Amino acid sequence: MLTIGDKFPAFNLKAVVSTDLKKAFTDISSESDKGKWKLVFFWPKDFTFVCPTEIAAFGKLNGDFNDRDTVVYGVSTDSEFVHLAWRNNHADLKDLPFAMLADIKRELSQELGILDKAEGVCLRATFIVDPEGIIRFVSVNDLSVGRNPAEVLRVLDALQTDELCPCNWQKGEEVLKPAA
């Protein structure tokens, strides 16, 4: 699995950005939103139970991520058509403010090393990628356990300070200053 300090792989994927069929689909690549921080999170399958709770929670924090010059991408191995159908049929996903990317060939997931060996779907992996395309944070959960989007935002805040941040540090708190 790729980890801290590795370059996030190049990709070019179909994405769903709207429930309006006329403007629902677009292509998103590793060159999209160049120079921004990126939060890229993966879920196992559309039309499941834990996944929409996480996706909706990231959606609620999307403005906070945007305030930190960070773009959010959600990804699974389902097609863009399945993503659109799920958004249209799940109340919590209808107004999702970020793109749902379709890694149907599993190329990005495989290159990252986050495919579940038994199921062949993405693990619940979360990556924070800096503006230079370097992975700065990775978290991977078991298929049955949802993640905490507020903690991901806290880690992003800490990374963006470029300082030493103690356990449970929150934005606005003092950072650690080593003795000179």
C-alpha atoms as a PDB file:
ATOM      1  CA  MET A   1       0.000   0.000   0.000  1.00  0.00           C
ATOM      2  CA  LEU A   2       1.232   3.493  -0.776  1.00  0.00           C
ATOM      3  CA  THR A   3       1.869   5.551   2.317  1.00  0.00           C
ATOM      4  CA  ILE A   4       3.171   8.820   3.727  1.00  0.00           C
ATOM      5  CA  GLY A   5       5.729  10.485   1.464  1.00  0.00           C
ATOM      6  CA  ASP A   6       4.726   8.525  -1.648  1.00  0.00           C
ATOM      7  CA  LYS A   7       3.474  10.301  -4.755  1.00  0.00           C
ATOM      8  CA  PHE A   8      -0.269   9.868  -5.234  1.00  0.00           C
ATOM      9  CA  PRO A   9      -0.766   7.966  -8.522  1.00  0.00           C
ATOM     10  CA  ALA A  10      -1.822   9.671 -11.723  1.00  0.00           C
ATOM     11  CA  PHE A  11      -5.450   8.986 -12.645  1.00  0.00           C
ATOM     12  CA  ASN A  12      -8.185  10.003 -15.056  1.00  0.00           C
ATOM     13  CA  LEU A  13     -11.672   8.844 -14.046  1.00  0.00           C
ATOM     14  CA  LYS A  14     -15.297   9.484 -14.909  1.00  0.00           C
ATOM     15  CA  ALA A  15     -17.137  11.259 -12.123  1.00  0.00           C
ATOM     16  CA  VAL A  16     -20.647  12.209 -11.099  1.00  0.00           C
ATOM     17  CA  VAL A  17     -20.973  15.850 -10.047  1.00  0.00           C
ATOM     18  CA  SER A  18     -24.746  16.406 -10.279  1.00  0.00           C
ATOM     19  CA  THR A  19     -28.060  14.571 -10.281  1.00  0.00           C
ATOM     20  CA  ASP A  20     -29.081  16.522 -13.402  1.00  0.00           C
ATOM     21  CA  LEU A  21     -28.513  14.048 -16.238  1.00  0.00           C
ATOM     22  CA  LYS A  22     -27.457  16.844 -18.622  1.00  0.00           C
ATOM     23  CA  LYS A  23     -24.527  17.861 -16.405  1.00  0.00           C
ATOM     24  CA  ALA A  24     -24.062  14.775 -14.236  1.00  0.00           C
ATOM     25  CA  PHE A  25     -20.811  13.445 -15.696  1.00  0.00           C
ATOM     26  CA  THR A  26     -17.324  14.842 -16.079  1.00  0.00           C
ATOM     27  CA  ASP A  27     -13.733  13.609 -16.218  1.00  0.00           C
ATOM     28  CA  ILE A  28     -11.509  14.231 -13.221  1.00  0.00           C
ATOM     29  CA  SER A  29      -7.791  13.564 -13.278  1.00  0.00           C
ATOM     30  CA  SER A  30      -4.787  13.987 -11.065  1.00  0.00           C
ATOM     31  CA  GLU A  31      -4.279  17.281 -12.952  1.00  0.00           C
ATOM     32  CA  SER A  32      -7.704  18.598 -11.915  1.00  0.00           C
ATOM     33  CA  ASP A  33      -7.549  21.131  -9.095  1.00  0.00           C
ATOM     34  CA  LYS A  34      -3.767  21.333  -9.460  1.00  0.00           C
ATOM     35  CA  GLY A  35      -2.040  23.160  -6.624  1.00  0.00           C
ATOM     36  CA  LYS A  36      -4.743  22.336  -4.068  1.00  0.00           C
ATOM     37  CA  TRP A  37      -4.764  19.952  -1.183  1.00  0.00           C
ATOM     38  CA  LYS A  38      -6.851  16.866  -1.950  1.00  0.00           C
ATOM     39  CA  LEU A  39      -8.855  14.601   0.294  1.00  0.00           C
ATOM     40  CA  VAL A  40      -9.450  11.348  -1.569  1.00  0.00           C
ATOM     41  CA  PHE A  41     -11.555   8.788   0.237  1.00  0.00           C
ATOM     42  CA  PHE A  42     -12.689   5.354  -0.942  1.00  0.00           C
ATOM     43  CA  TRP A  43     -15.661   3.182  -0.031  1.00  0.00           C
ATOM     44  CA  PRO A  44     -16.414  -0.465  -0.881  1.00  0.00           C
ATOM     45  CA  LYS A  45     -19.734  -0.372  -2.765  1.00  0.00           C
ATOM     46  CA  ASP A  46     -22.630   1.888  -3.635  1.00  0.00           C
ATOM     47  CA  PHE A  47     -26.082   0.952  -2.301  1.00  0.00           C
ATOM     48  CA  THR A  48     -24.674  -0.326   0.987  1.00  0.00           C
ATOM     49  CA  PHE A  49     -25.241   0.698   4.607  1.00  0.00           C
ATOM     50  CA  VAL A  50     -22.113   2.191   6.199  1.00  0.00           C
ATOM     51  CA  CYS A  51     -20.919   4.018   3.068  1.00  0.00           C
ATOM     52  CA  PRO A  52     -23.684   6.644   2.787  1.00  0.00           C
ATOM     53  CA  THR A  53     -23.209   7.655   6.426  1.00  0.00           C
ATOM     54  CA  GLU A  54     -19.574   8.489   5.715  1.00  0.00           C
ATOM     55  CA  ILE A  55     -20.210  10.107   2.339  1.00  0.00           C
ATOM     56  CA  ALA A  56     -22.945  12.334   3.771  1.00  0.00           C
ATOM     57  CA  ALA A  57     -20.693  13.280   6.715  1.00  0.00           C
ATOM     58  CA  PHE A  58     -17.875  14.295   4.353  1.00  0.00           C
ATOM     59  CA  GLY A  59     -20.485  16.246   2.371  1.00  0.00           C
ATOM     60  CA  LYS A  60     -21.520  18.189   5.478  1.00  0.00           C
ATOM     61  CA  LEU A  61     -17.882  19.170   6.051  1.00  0.00           C
ATOM     62  CA  ASN A  62     -17.191  20.004   2.388  1.00  0.00           C
ATOM     63  CA  GLY A  63     -17.369  23.764   3.055  1.00  0.00           C
ATOM     64  CA  ASP A  64     -14.788  23.374   5.832  1.00  0.00           C
ATOM     65  CA  PHE A  65     -12.478  21.498   3.466  1.00  0.00           C
ATOM     66  CA  ASN A  66     -13.018  24.162   0.789  1.00  0.00           C
ATOM     67  CA  ASP A  67     -12.125  26.849   3.349  1.00  0.00           C
ATOM     68  CA  ARG A  68      -8.766  25.077   3.681  1.00  0.00           C
ATOM     69  CA  ASP A  69      -8.187  25.089  -0.106  1.00  0.00           C
ATOM     70  CA  THR A  70      -8.870  21.353  -0.185  1.00  0.00           C
ATOM     71  CA  VAL A  71     -10.924  19.528  -2.803  1.00  0.00           C
ATOM     72  CA  VAL A  72     -12.798  16.363  -1.807  1.00  0.00           C
ATOM     73  CA  TYR A  73     -13.063  13.339  -4.088  1.00  0.00           C
ATOM     74  CA  GLY A  74     -15.028  10.222  -3.160  1.00  0.00           C
ATOM     75  CA  VAL A  75     -14.157   7.023  -5.035  1.00  0.00           C
ATOM     76  CA  SER A  76     -15.392   3.463  -5.406  1.00  0.00           C
ATOM     77  CA  THR A  77     -15.102   0.773  -8.044  1.00  0.00           C
ATOM     78  CA  ASP A  78     -18.741   1.262  -9.073  1.00  0.00           C
ATOM     79  CA  SER A  79     -19.469   2.936 -12.432  1.00  0.00           C
ATOM     80  CA  GLU A  80     -20.510   6.553 -12.826  1.00  0.00           C
ATOM     81  CA  PHE A  81     -23.989   5.292 -13.754  1.00  0.00           C
ATOM     82  CA  VAL A  82     -24.296   3.379 -10.474  1.00  0.00           C
ATOM     83  CA  HIS A  83     -23.079   6.479  -8.600  1.00  0.00           C
ATOM     84  CA  LEU A  84     -25.769   8.576 -10.303  1.00  0.00           C
ATOM     85  CA  ALA A  85     -28.502   6.033  -9.578  1.00  0.00           C
ATOM     86  CA  TRP A  86     -27.431   5.887  -5.915  1.00  0.00           C
ATOM     87  CA  ARG A  87     -27.420   9.676  -5.602  1.00  0.00           C
ATOM     88  CA  ASN A  88     -30.865   9.850  -7.174  1.00  0.00           C
ATOM     89  CA  ASN A  89     -32.214   7.160  -4.821  1.00  0.00           C
ATOM     90  CA  HIS A  90     -30.644   8.143  -1.501  1.00  0.00           C
ATOM     91  CA  ALA A  91     -31.864  11.332   0.171  1.00  0.00           C
ATOM     92  CA  ASP A  92     -28.547  11.970   1.963  1.00  0.00           C
ATOM     93  CA  LEU A  93     -26.607  11.888  -1.329  1.00  0.00           C
ATOM     94  CA  LYS A  94     -28.856  13.936  -3.656  1.00  0.00           C
ATOM     95  CA  ASP A  95     -27.130  17.270  -2.918  1.00  0.00           C
ATOM     96  CA  LEU A  96     -23.627  15.903  -2.443  1.00  0.00           C
ATOM     97  CA  PRO A  97     -21.199  18.824  -2.996  1.00  0.00           C
ATOM     98  CA  PHE A  98     -18.213  16.820  -4.246  1.00  0.00           C
ATOM     99  CA  ALA A  99     -17.459  14.460  -7.130  1.00  0.00           C
ATOM    100  CA  MET A 100     -18.003  10.710  -6.913  1.00  0.00           C
ATOM    101  CA  LEU A 101     -15.261   9.082  -9.025  1.00  0.00           C
ATOM    102  CA  ALA A 102     -15.694   5.729 -10.772  1.00  0.00           C
ATOM    103  CA  ASP A 103     -12.610   3.496 -10.618  1.00  0.00           C
ATOM    104  CA  ILE A 104     -14.313   0.690 -12.551  1.00  0.00           C
ATOM    105  CA  LYS A 105     -11.049  -0.722 -13.914  1.00  0.00           C
ATOM    106  CA  ARG A 106      -9.685  -0.709 -10.343  1.00  0.00           C
ATOM    107  CA  GLU A 107      -6.436   0.843 -11.600  1.00  0.00           C
ATOM    108  CA  LEU A 108      -6.208   3.629  -8.992  1.00  0.00           C
ATOM    109  CA  SER A 109      -7.345   1.369  -6.149  1.00  0.00           C
ATOM    110  CA  GLN A 110      -4.870  -1.307  -7.183  1.00  0.00           C
ATOM    111  CA  GLU A 111      -1.981   1.133  -7.520  1.00  0.00           C
ATOM    112  CA  LEU A 112      -2.751   2.490  -4.059  1.00  0.00           C
ATOM    113  CA  GLY A 113      -2.912  -1.077  -2.698  1.00  0.00           C
ATOM    114  CA  ILE A 114      -6.337  -0.685  -1.093  1.00  0.00           C
ATOM    115  CA  LEU A 115      -8.366  -3.485  -2.686  1.00  0.00           C
ATOM    116  CA  ASP A 116      -9.784  -5.973  -0.209  1.00  0.00           C
ATOM    117  CA  LYS A 117      -8.199  -9.338  -1.041  1.00  0.00           C
ATOM    118  CA  ALA A 118     -11.363 -11.351  -0.436  1.00  0.00           C
ATOM    119  CA  GLU A 119     -14.009  -9.020  -1.877  1.00  0.00           C
ATOM    120  CA  GLY A 120     -12.072  -7.173  -4.603  1.00  0.00           C
ATOM    121  CA  VAL A 121     -13.575  -3.826  -3.545  1.00  0.00           C
ATOM    122  CA  CYS A 122     -11.936  -0.791  -1.982  1.00  0.00           C
ATOM    123  CA  LEU A 123     -11.208  -0.755   1.697  1.00  0.00           C
ATOM    124  CA  ARG A 124     -12.369   2.364   3.547  1.00  0.00           C
ATOM    125  CA  ALA A 125      -9.172   4.249   2.740  1.00  0.00           C
ATOM    126  CA  THR A 126      -8.596   7.966   3.227  1.00  0.00           C
ATOM    127  CA  PHE A 127      -5.708   9.960   1.763  1.00  0.00           C
ATOM    128  CA  ILE A 128      -4.734  13.586   2.316  1.00  0.00           C
ATOM    129  CA  VAL A 129      -2.529  14.708  -0.564  1.00  0.00           C
ATOM    130  CA  ASP A 130      -0.580  17.982  -0.489  1.00  0.00           C
ATOM    131  CA  PRO A 131      -0.483  20.478  -3.390  1.00  0.00           C
ATOM    132  CA  GLU A 132       2.650  18.762  -4.780  1.00  0.00           C
ATOM    133  CA  GLY A 133       0.830  15.406  -5.001  1.00  0.00           C
ATOM    134  CA  ILE A 134       2.558  13.832  -1.994  1.00  0.00           C
ATOM    135  CA  ILE A 135       0.540  11.654   0.384  1.00  0.00           C
ATOM    136  CA  ARG A 136       0.643  13.246   3.846  1.00  0.00           C
ATOM    137  CA  PHE A 137      -1.992  11.138   5.654  1.00  0.00           C
ATOM    138  CA  VAL A 138      -3.400   7.637   5.181  1.00  0.00           C
ATOM    139  CA  SER A 139      -6.067   5.838   7.141  1.00  0.00           C
ATOM    140  CA  VAL A 140      -7.637   2.505   6.255  1.00  0.00           C
ATOM    141  CA  ASN A 141     -10.592   0.913   8.020  1.00  0.00           C
ATOM    142  CA  ASP A 142     -12.091  -2.545   7.853  1.00  0.00           C
ATOM    143  CA  LEU A 143     -15.084  -2.840   5.514  1.00  0.00           C
ATOM    144  CA  SER A 144     -17.508  -2.891   8.453  1.00  0.00           C
ATOM    145  CA  VAL A 145     -16.267   0.226  10.295  1.00  0.00           C
ATOM    146  CA  GLY A 146     -17.006   3.813   9.263  1.00  0.00           C
ATOM    147  CA  ARG A 147     -14.438   6.562   9.598  1.00  0.00           C
ATOM    148  CA  ASN A 148     -14.588   9.950  11.329  1.00  0.00           C
ATOM    149  CA  PRO A 149     -14.584  12.855   8.805  1.00  0.00           C
ATOM    150  CA  ALA A 150     -14.127  15.414  11.610  1.00  0.00           C
ATOM    151  CA  GLU A 151     -10.853  13.686  12.557  1.00  0.00           C
ATOM    152  CA  VAL A 152      -9.705  13.849   8.917  1.00  0.00           C
ATOM    153  CA  LEU A 153     -10.404  17.603   8.958  1.00  0.00           C
ATOM    154  CA  ARG A 154      -8.452  17.936  12.241  1.00  0.00           C
ATOM    155  CA  VAL A 155      -5.463  16.133  10.694  1.00  0.00           C
ATOM    156  CA  LEU A 156      -5.636  18.373   7.607  1.00  0.00           C
ATOM    157  CA  ASP A 157      -5.587  21.438   9.864  1.00  0.00           C
ATOM    158  CA  ALA A 158      -2.525  20.079  11.661  1.00  0.00           C
ATOM    159  CA  LEU A 159      -0.723  19.254   8.408  1.00  0.00           C
ATOM    160  CA  GLN A 160      -1.403  22.723   7.041  1.00  0.00           C
ATOM    161  CA  THR A 161       0.274  24.368  10.059  1.00  0.00           C
ATOM    162  CA  ASP A 162       3.588  22.781   9.025  1.00  0.00           C
ATOM    163  CA  GLU A 163       4.322  22.688  12.758  1.00  0.00           C
ATOM    164  CA  LEU A 164       4.506  20.048  15.492  1.00  0.00           C
ATOM    165  CA  CYS A 165       0.965  19.407  16.726  1.00  0.00           C
ATOM    166  CA  PRO A 166       0.319  17.447  19.932  1.00  0.00           C
ATOM    167  CA  CYS A 167      -2.255  14.725  20.469  1.00  0.00           C
ATOM    168  CA  ASN A 168      -5.842  15.958  20.055  1.00  0.00           C
ATOM    169  CA  TRP A 169      -4.611  19.344  18.805  1.00  0.00           C
ATOM    170  CA  GLN A 170      -7.398  21.524  17.345  1.00  0.00           C
ATOM    171  CA  LYS A 171      -7.138  24.432  14.903  1.00  0.00           C
ATOM    172  CA  GLY A 172      -6.303  27.632  16.754  1.00  0.00           C
ATOM    173  CA  GLU A 173      -4.517  25.910  19.634  1.00  0.00           C
ATOM    174  CA  GLU A 174      -0.820  26.338  20.378  1.00  0.00           C
ATOM    175  CA  VAL A 175       1.614  24.112  18.518  1.00  0.00           C
ATOM    176  CA  LEU A 176       4.693  22.564  20.082  1.00  0.00           C
ATOM    177  CA  LYS A 177       7.887  24.623  20.022  1.00  0.00           C
ATOM    178  CA  PRO A 178      11.095  22.582  20.442  1.00  0.00           C
ATOM    179  CA  ALA A 179      13.725  24.072  22.705  1.00  0.00           C
ATOM    180  CA  ALA A 180      16.265  26.053  20.728  1.00  0.00           C
END
